[in-house]
Amino acid sequence: MKRKWNGEENDFFLNFFKEEITQNKMPTGEKIVKAQKKLNRTVAQIRTRVHNIIHGKQKVA
């Protein structure tokens, strides 16, 4: 089931992956797993969101 990213998740996500997003590179699996513990999201959801932001398919909130 889909659920929106709330403000707290957005803030953590953007701060945690700031370097990767600005350099347009995908994060390592290890870094995604670390974020997963805090975000309560699947690895696929996190990886897809980073990918979509880097490729301009999703706006940075």
Protein backbone atom coordinates (compact mmCIF):
# COMPACT_ATOMS: atom_id res chain seq x y z
CA MET A 1 0.00 0.00 0.00
CA LYS A 2 1.28 3.45 -0.90
CA ARG A 3 1.73 6.07 1.76
CA LYS A 4 3.05 9.60 1.48
CA TRP A 5 6.39 10.63 2.90
CA ASN A 6 5.64 12.80 5.92
CA GLY A 7 7.59 15.92 6.89
CA GLU A 8 9.87 14.16 9.36
CA GLU A 9 10.73 11.45 6.82
CA ASN A 10 11.36 14.10 4.14
CA ASP A 11 13.69 16.08 6.37
CA PHE A 12 15.70 13.00 7.39
CA PHE A 13 15.80 11.68 3.80
CA LEU A 14 17.04 14.94 2.28
CA ASN A 15 19.68 15.50 4.96
CA PHE A 16 20.88 11.88 4.90
CA PHE A 17 21.17 11.68 1.09
CA LYS A 18 22.12 15.33 0.43
CA GLU A 19 25.60 14.48 -0.87
CA GLU A 20 24.35 11.78 -3.24
CA ILE A 21 21.58 13.98 -4.62
CA THR A 22 23.87 16.96 -5.24
CA GLN A 23 26.50 14.73 -6.90
CA ASN A 24 23.83 12.86 -8.92
CA LYS A 25 25.06 9.47 -7.76
CA MET A 26 23.19 6.58 -6.22
CA PRO A 27 23.94 5.76 -2.56
CA THR A 28 25.53 2.48 -1.52
CA GLY A 29 23.37 -0.38 -0.34
CA GLU A 30 24.91 -0.03 3.11
CA LYS A 31 23.82 3.60 3.36
CA ILE A 32 20.30 2.74 2.18
CA VAL A 33 20.03 0.04 4.86
CA LYS A 34 21.10 2.56 7.52
CA ALA A 35 18.38 4.94 6.34
CA GLN A 36 15.86 2.11 6.25
CA LYS A 37 16.17 1.59 10.00
CA LYS A 38 15.21 5.21 10.66
CA LEU A 39 12.60 5.63 7.91
CA ASN A 40 10.61 2.40 8.26
CA ARG A 41 10.57 2.05 4.45
CA THR A 42 11.76 -0.74 2.19
CA VAL A 43 15.13 -0.60 0.46
CA ALA A 44 13.32 -0.47 -2.88
CA GLN A 45 11.24 2.55 -1.83
CA ILE A 46 14.31 4.46 -0.67
CA ARG A 47 16.39 3.53 -3.74
CA THR A 48 13.55 4.48 -6.09
CA ARG A 49 13.04 7.85 -4.41
CA VAL A 50 16.74 8.76 -4.66
CA HIS A 51 16.78 7.64 -8.31
CA ASN A 52 13.66 9.64 -9.17
CA ILE A 53 15.00 12.81 -7.54
CA ILE A 54 18.36 12.49 -9.31
CA HIS A 55 16.69 11.98 -12.70
CA GLY A 56 14.19 14.82 -12.21
CA LYS A 57 11.13 12.57 -12.06
CA GLN A 58 10.33 13.74 -8.55
CA LYS A 59 10.72 17.17 -6.99
CA VAL A 60 12.76 17.67 -3.86
CA ALA A 61 10.22 18.60 -1.22
